[in-house]
Protein backbone atom coordinates (compact mmCIF):
# COMPACT_ATOMS: atom_id res chain seq x y z
CA MET A 1 67.61 141.62 41.28
CA THR A 2 67.39 138.59 40.14
CA ASP A 3 69.64 136.21 38.44
CA ASN A 4 69.24 134.13 35.13
CA ASN A 5 67.69 131.13 37.84
CA SER A 6 65.03 133.79 38.62
CA ARG A 7 66.26 134.04 42.19
CA ASN A 8 66.55 137.01 44.68
CA SER A 9 70.12 137.61 44.99
CA ASP A 10 69.42 138.33 48.53
CA ASP A 11 68.20 134.54 48.96
CA ALA A 12 70.60 132.52 51.29
CA VAL A 13 71.79 130.14 48.71
CA THR A 14 72.28 126.45 50.77
CA ASP A 15 73.80 123.06 50.65
CA GLY A 16 70.51 120.99 51.22
CA GLY A 17 69.62 122.10 54.36
CA VAL A 18 66.12 123.62 55.53
CA ALA A 19 65.93 127.45 53.70
CA SER A 20 64.95 130.35 55.88
CA GLY A 21 61.14 129.78 54.28
CA ALA A 22 60.81 125.72 55.01
CA ALA A 23 60.23 126.56 59.00
CA GLN A 24 57.57 128.73 57.96
CA LYS A 25 55.71 126.33 55.95
CA HIS A 26 56.08 124.18 58.28
CA ARG A 27 54.87 126.11 60.88
CA GLN A 28 51.87 126.74 58.61
CA THR A 29 51.27 122.70 57.84
CA ASP A 30 48.05 121.14 60.45
CA TYR A 31 50.30 117.81 61.02
CA LEU A 32 46.89 116.46 62.84
CA GLY A 33 44.71 117.14 60.08
CA ALA A 34 47.46 115.50 57.39
CA GLU A 35 46.78 112.57 55.65
CA VAL A 36 50.28 110.10 57.34
CA ASN A 37 51.27 107.86 54.72
CA ILE A 38 54.19 105.86 55.33
CA LEU A 39 55.60 104.92 51.93
CA ASN A 40 54.99 108.68 50.59
CA PRO A 41 55.43 111.56 53.40
CA SER A 42 53.91 114.58 52.70
CA THR A 43 55.70 116.62 54.34
CA PRO A 44 59.57 117.30 54.73
CA TYR A 45 59.73 116.90 58.51
CA MET A 46 57.32 113.63 58.06
CA ARG A 47 60.11 112.65 55.55
CA ASP A 48 63.08 113.36 57.62
CA HIS A 49 61.41 111.38 60.70
CA LEU A 50 60.97 108.69 58.37
CA ARG A 51 64.17 108.37 57.66
CA ILE A 52 65.68 108.24 61.24
CA VAL A 53 62.73 105.86 62.20
CA TRP A 54 64.12 103.46 59.26
CA THR A 55 67.35 103.94 59.66
CA GLY A 56 67.08 102.96 63.33
CA PHE A 57 64.80 99.99 62.63
CA ALA A 58 67.19 98.76 60.20
CA ILE A 59 69.94 98.71 63.26
CA TRP A 60 68.12 97.24 65.48
CA VAL A 61 66.78 94.44 62.84
CA LEU A 62 71.04 93.64 62.72
CA ALA A 63 71.14 94.15 66.27
CA VAL A 64 68.59 91.36 67.22
CA TRP A 65 68.99 89.05 64.12
CA GLY A 66 72.30 89.40 63.45
CA PRO A 67 73.63 87.41 66.12
CA VAL A 68 70.78 84.46 65.53
CA THR A 69 71.51 84.25 61.76
CA LEU A 70 74.97 84.03 62.30
CA THR A 71 74.77 81.00 64.54
CA ARG A 72 72.96 79.59 62.12
CA LEU A 73 74.84 80.20 59.04
CA ALA A 74 78.49 79.69 61.29
CA PRO A 75 77.53 77.36 64.15
CA ASP A 76 81.19 76.31 64.75
CA VAL A 77 82.01 79.97 65.11
CA MET A 78 79.67 81.38 66.98
CA THR A 79 79.25 78.69 69.43
CA THR A 80 82.80 78.66 70.45
CA GLN A 81 83.46 79.90 74.05
CA MET A 82 85.03 83.63 74.84
CA PRO A 83 88.32 83.41 76.12
CA ILE A 84 87.63 86.46 78.96
CA LEU A 85 83.94 85.40 80.20
CA ALA A 86 83.59 81.53 79.07
CA PHE A 87 80.36 82.27 77.71
CA PRO A 88 79.39 81.06 73.77
CA LEU A 89 80.16 83.98 71.41
CA HIS A 90 75.86 83.51 69.96
CA TYR A 91 74.81 83.47 74.54
CA PHE A 92 76.66 86.86 75.09
CA LEU A 93 75.77 88.81 71.49
CA VAL A 94 72.00 88.07 72.03
CA ALA A 95 72.13 88.31 76.44
CA PHE A 96 73.96 91.48 76.02
CA GLY A 97 74.62 93.14 73.05
CA ALA A 98 70.59 92.98 71.83
CA PRO A 99 69.46 94.86 74.79
CA THR A 100 72.48 97.06 75.22
CA SER A 101 72.21 98.17 71.57
CA ALA A 102 68.50 98.80 72.13
CA LEU A 103 69.25 100.82 74.79
CA ILE A 104 72.06 102.93 72.43
CA LEU A 105 69.15 103.91 69.90
CA ALA A 106 66.94 104.84 72.37
CA PHE A 107 69.56 107.35 73.04
CA TRP A 108 70.35 108.00 69.80
CA TYR A 109 66.65 108.36 68.40
CA SER A 110 66.20 111.16 71.05
CA ARG A 111 69.29 112.96 70.08
CA LYS A 112 68.23 113.10 66.27
CA ARG A 113 64.35 114.10 67.14
CA ASP A 114 65.40 116.66 68.92
CA ALA A 115 67.82 117.81 66.22
CA LEU A 116 64.75 117.61 63.51
CA ASP A 117 62.60 119.09 66.14
CA GLU A 118 65.61 122.09 65.95
CA LYS A 119 66.22 121.69 62.41
CA TYR A 120 62.18 122.81 61.94
CA GLY A 121 61.64 125.08 64.82
CA ILE A 122 58.98 122.80 67.02
CA ASP A 123 59.06 123.84 70.65
CA HIS A 124 57.14 120.99 72.47
CA ALA A 125 56.54 123.01 75.26
CA THR A 126 54.20 125.74 72.84
CA VAL A 127 50.81 125.54 73.07
CA THR A 128 49.33 126.24 70.11
CA GLU A 129 45.63 127.06 68.60
CA THR A 130 44.20 124.97 65.58
CA GLU A 131 41.91 125.80 62.60
CA SER A 132 38.92 124.74 64.84
CA GLY A 133 39.83 127.18 67.73
CA ALA A 134 40.92 123.98 69.75
CA GLU A 135 44.65 124.54 71.77
CA VAL A 136 47.28 121.56 70.73
CA ALA A 137 50.51 121.06 71.81
CA ALA A 138 52.79 120.50 69.12
CA ALA A 139 54.81 116.67 70.70
CA ASP A 140 51.49 114.87 70.95
CA GLY A 141 48.56 116.86 69.98
CA GLY A 142 46.74 116.67 72.76
CA VAL A 143 45.10 119.35 74.75
CA ASP A 144 46.74 121.66 77.50
CA GLU A 145 44.63 120.93 80.37
């Protein structure tokens, strides 16, 4: 039962999400032995995770260096005092905005990482055995003691 694209008629058609075979392929991948290349990730999981990391990094750069750069480019606007707190705008953005955005990014990253782990069927509580016979946890590759 195949159509002209050599696909079984009972295969699930997705909208770009993970097909049922991707989770199985993920389970068979030895991530501890796989080469990690930050410019060319070797697995779909690594590509998705790297996309999350780079997005968070770009947001962090804007949050931390944006006010500093704007102060250099537009000193008149950035050094005016805010009407409510009577602080200069650049001071408030650096002293309050940067740490707050870092905290928000930490929560954002943990939510995205949890969703990614769920997408690929990773359970950090599960201990698996590698080809060498060592038991490792999916979370950090450490041995369960």
